[in-house]
Amino acid sequence: MSDRVTQIERLLEAQRLNSKVLTYKSIDAESRSMRNNIVIYGLTERLKGNCTHLVLNFISDELDIDTSDMHIERAHRMGRFDPKSRDAKRPMVVRLRDYVDTETIMENT
């Protein structure tokens, strides 16, 4: 019986270590996947149109960055829309294809 308990304790410790490694790998993968994301605050929702075009226009006009080679994979607003708000400004999450573009934007903000 003592040998079985010892064997189960070893197995439990091995499982605990595996769980810890998988947790760290999951956090690392999540961090790497968000690396190309930026969050833009303050863009009014009165400007109608595609979020991608709004972001490209903002980057071009306000940050004075050439957006001809920039590719946005996704752009969308965060949070719930409040129709009662006169000038809603929900944050916008933007995922860029290239990390270099993310760095360029962050350097110019």
C-alpha atoms as a PDB file:
ATOM      1  CA  MET A   1       0.000   0.000   0.000  1.00  0.00           C
ATOM      2  CA  SER A   2       2.861   2.361   0.850  1.00  0.00           C
ATOM      3  CA  ASP A   3       4.428   1.867  -2.601  1.00  0.00           C
ATOM      4  CA  ARG A   4       1.137   2.704  -4.313  1.00  0.00           C
ATOM      5  CA  VAL A   5       0.741   5.903  -2.282  1.00  0.00           C
ATOM      6  CA  THR A   6       4.310   6.935  -3.156  1.00  0.00           C
ATOM      7  CA  GLN A   7       3.673   6.204  -6.823  1.00  0.00           C
ATOM      8  CA  ILE A   8       0.461   8.257  -6.799  1.00  0.00           C
ATOM      9  CA  GLU A   9       2.252  11.146  -5.064  1.00  0.00           C
ATOM     10  CA  ARG A  10       4.957  11.130  -7.774  1.00  0.00           C
ATOM     11  CA  LEU A  11       2.327  11.066 -10.479  1.00  0.00           C
ATOM     12  CA  LEU A  12       0.466  13.930  -8.814  1.00  0.00           C
ATOM     13  CA  GLU A  13       3.645  16.034  -8.632  1.00  0.00           C
ATOM     14  CA  ALA A  14       4.407  15.333 -12.306  1.00  0.00           C
ATOM     15  CA  GLN A  15       0.865  16.393 -13.236  1.00  0.00           C
ATOM     16  CA  ARG A  16       1.240  19.547 -11.145  1.00  0.00           C
ATOM     17  CA  LEU A  17       4.452  20.448 -13.000  1.00  0.00           C
ATOM     18  CA  ASN A  18       2.850  19.717 -16.396  1.00  0.00           C
ATOM     19  CA  SER A  19      -0.088  21.936 -15.492  1.00  0.00           C
ATOM     20  CA  LYS A  20       2.273  24.770 -14.546  1.00  0.00           C
ATOM     21  CA  VAL A  21       4.211  24.459 -17.823  1.00  0.00           C
ATOM     22  CA  LEU A  22       1.000  24.450 -19.858  1.00  0.00           C
ATOM     23  CA  THR A  23      -0.247  27.530 -17.989  1.00  0.00           C
ATOM     24  CA  TYR A  24       2.934  29.444 -18.822  1.00  0.00           C
ATOM     25  CA  LYS A  25       2.792  28.325 -22.459  1.00  0.00           C
ATOM     26  CA  SER A  26      -0.822  29.468 -22.674  1.00  0.00           C
ATOM     27  CA  ILE A  27       0.027  32.893 -21.253  1.00  0.00           C
ATOM     28  CA  ASP A  28       2.949  33.209 -23.668  1.00  0.00           C
ATOM     29  CA  ALA A  29       0.806  32.259 -26.677  1.00  0.00           C
ATOM     30  CA  GLU A  30      -1.898  34.722 -25.643  1.00  0.00           C
ATOM     31  CA  SER A  31       0.643  37.515 -25.230  1.00  0.00           C
ATOM     32  CA  ARG A  32       2.188  36.825 -28.614  1.00  0.00           C
ATOM     33  CA  SER A  33      -1.212  36.797 -30.308  1.00  0.00           C
ATOM     34  CA  MET A  34      -2.037  40.248 -28.883  1.00  0.00           C
ATOM     35  CA  ARG A  35       1.311  41.695 -29.885  1.00  0.00           C
ATOM     36  CA  ASN A  36      -0.037  43.252 -33.091  1.00  0.00           C
ATOM     37  CA  ASN A  37      -3.048  44.821 -31.372  1.00  0.00           C
ATOM     38  CA  ILE A  38      -3.471  48.462 -30.470  1.00  0.00           C
ATOM     39  CA  VAL A  39      -6.364  50.176 -28.726  1.00  0.00           C
ATOM     40  CA  ILE A  40      -7.429  53.606 -29.922  1.00  0.00           C
ATOM     41  CA  TYR A  41      -9.439  55.820 -27.582  1.00  0.00           C
ATOM     42  CA  GLY A  42     -11.385  58.953 -28.436  1.00  0.00           C
ATOM     43  CA  LEU A  43     -12.595  58.268 -31.984  1.00  0.00           C
ATOM     44  CA  THR A  44     -16.114  59.579 -32.132  1.00  0.00           C
ATOM     45  CA  GLU A  45     -18.876  57.363 -33.437  1.00  0.00           C
ATOM     46  CA  ARG A  46     -20.412  60.231 -35.362  1.00  0.00           C
ATOM     47  CA  LEU A  47     -18.009  59.347 -38.149  1.00  0.00           C
ATOM     48  CA  LYS A  48     -19.872  56.688 -40.055  1.00  0.00           C
ATOM     49  CA  GLY A  49     -18.173  54.052 -42.113  1.00  0.00           C
ATOM     50  CA  ASN A  50     -16.032  50.990 -41.970  1.00  0.00           C
ATOM     51  CA  CYS A  51     -13.856  50.825 -38.827  1.00  0.00           C
ATOM     52  CA  THR A  52     -10.831  49.867 -40.917  1.00  0.00           C
ATOM     53  CA  HIS A  53     -11.145  52.993 -43.071  1.00  0.00           C
ATOM     54  CA  LEU A  54     -11.702  55.182 -40.009  1.00  0.00           C
ATOM     55  CA  VAL A  55      -8.518  53.868 -38.409  1.00  0.00           C
ATOM     56  CA  LEU A  56      -6.459  54.246 -41.574  1.00  0.00           C
ATOM     57  CA  ASN A  57      -7.717  57.818 -41.994  1.00  0.00           C
ATOM     58  CA  PHE A  58      -6.930  58.597 -38.354  1.00  0.00           C
ATOM     59  CA  ILE A  59      -3.407  57.158 -38.629  1.00  0.00           C
ATOM     60  CA  SER A  60      -2.784  59.017 -41.868  1.00  0.00           C
ATOM     61  CA  ASP A  61      -4.285  62.382 -40.881  1.00  0.00           C
ATOM     62  CA  GLU A  62      -3.551  62.669 -37.160  1.00  0.00           C
ATOM     63  CA  LEU A  63      -0.305  60.720 -36.828  1.00  0.00           C
ATOM     64  CA  ASP A  64       1.044  61.632 -40.277  1.00  0.00           C
ATOM     65  CA  ILE A  65       2.021  58.044 -41.110  1.00  0.00           C
ATOM     66  CA  ASP A  66       1.974  56.614 -44.622  1.00  0.00           C
ATOM     67  CA  THR A  67      -0.700  53.896 -44.589  1.00  0.00           C
ATOM     68  CA  SER A  68      -0.309  52.701 -48.183  1.00  0.00           C
ATOM     69  CA  ASP A  69       1.561  49.535 -47.113  1.00  0.00           C
ATOM     70  CA  MET A  70      -0.309  49.089 -43.839  1.00  0.00           C
ATOM     71  CA  HIS A  71      -2.741  46.193 -43.591  1.00  0.00           C
ATOM     72  CA  ILE A  72      -5.388  46.000 -40.862  1.00  0.00           C
ATOM     73  CA  GLU A  73      -6.694  42.505 -40.233  1.00  0.00           C
ATOM     74  CA  ARG A  74      -9.510  43.565 -37.893  1.00  0.00           C
ATOM     75  CA  ALA A  75     -10.876  46.711 -36.341  1.00  0.00           C
ATOM     76  CA  HIS A  76     -13.905  46.897 -34.090  1.00  0.00           C
ATOM     77  CA  ARG A  77     -15.376  48.886 -31.219  1.00  0.00           C
ATOM     78  CA  MET A  78     -15.335  47.560 -27.654  1.00  0.00           C
ATOM     79  CA  GLY A  79     -18.297  47.667 -25.353  1.00  0.00           C
ATOM     80  CA  ARG A  80     -21.982  48.246 -25.781  1.00  0.00           C
ATOM     81  CA  PHE A  81     -23.301  51.108 -27.907  1.00  0.00           C
ATOM     82  CA  ASP A  82     -25.337  53.666 -25.949  1.00  0.00           C
ATOM     83  CA  PRO A  83     -27.759  55.443 -28.302  1.00  0.00           C
ATOM     84  CA  LYS A  84     -28.522  58.041 -25.567  1.00  0.00           C
ATOM     85  CA  SER A  85     -24.965  59.319 -25.568  1.00  0.00           C
ATOM     86  CA  ARG A  86     -24.570  62.480 -27.645  1.00  0.00           C
ATOM     87  CA  ASP A  87     -20.956  61.774 -28.564  1.00  0.00           C
ATOM     88  CA  ALA A  88     -20.114  58.150 -27.840  1.00  0.00           C
ATOM     89  CA  LYS A  89     -16.431  57.315 -27.953  1.00  0.00           C
ATOM     90  CA  ARG A  90     -16.056  53.600 -27.424  1.00  0.00           C
ATOM     91  CA  PRO A  91     -12.471  52.335 -27.651  1.00  0.00           C
ATOM     92  CA  MET A  92     -11.492  50.603 -30.857  1.00  0.00           C
ATOM     93  CA  VAL A  93      -9.316  47.475 -31.017  1.00  0.00           C
ATOM     94  CA  VAL A  94      -7.163  47.255 -34.127  1.00  0.00           C
ATOM     95  CA  ARG A  95      -5.169  44.205 -35.185  1.00  0.00           C
ATOM     96  CA  LEU A  96      -2.407  44.960 -37.641  1.00  0.00           C
ATOM     97  CA  ARG A  97      -0.843  42.330 -39.840  1.00  0.00           C
ATOM     98  CA  ASP A  98       2.750  43.446 -39.241  1.00  0.00           C
ATOM     99  CA  TYR A  99       4.313  44.222 -35.895  1.00  0.00           C
ATOM    100  CA  VAL A 100       6.478  46.855 -37.576  1.00  0.00           C
ATOM    101  CA  ASP A 101       3.309  48.871 -38.240  1.00  0.00           C
ATOM    102  CA  THR A 102       2.332  48.563 -34.580  1.00  0.00           C
ATOM    103  CA  GLU A 103       5.750  49.868 -33.548  1.00  0.00           C
ATOM    104  CA  THR A 104       5.536  52.749 -36.020  1.00  0.00           C
ATOM    105  CA  ILE A 105       2.139  53.812 -34.690  1.00  0.00           C
ATOM    106  CA  MET A 106       3.265  53.573 -31.069  1.00  0.00           C
ATOM    107  CA  GLU A 107       6.396  55.638 -31.789  1.00  0.00           C
ATOM    108  CA  ASN A 108       4.292  58.411 -33.337  1.00  0.00           C
ATOM    109  CA  THR A 109       1.699  58.647 -30.572  1.00  0.00           C
END
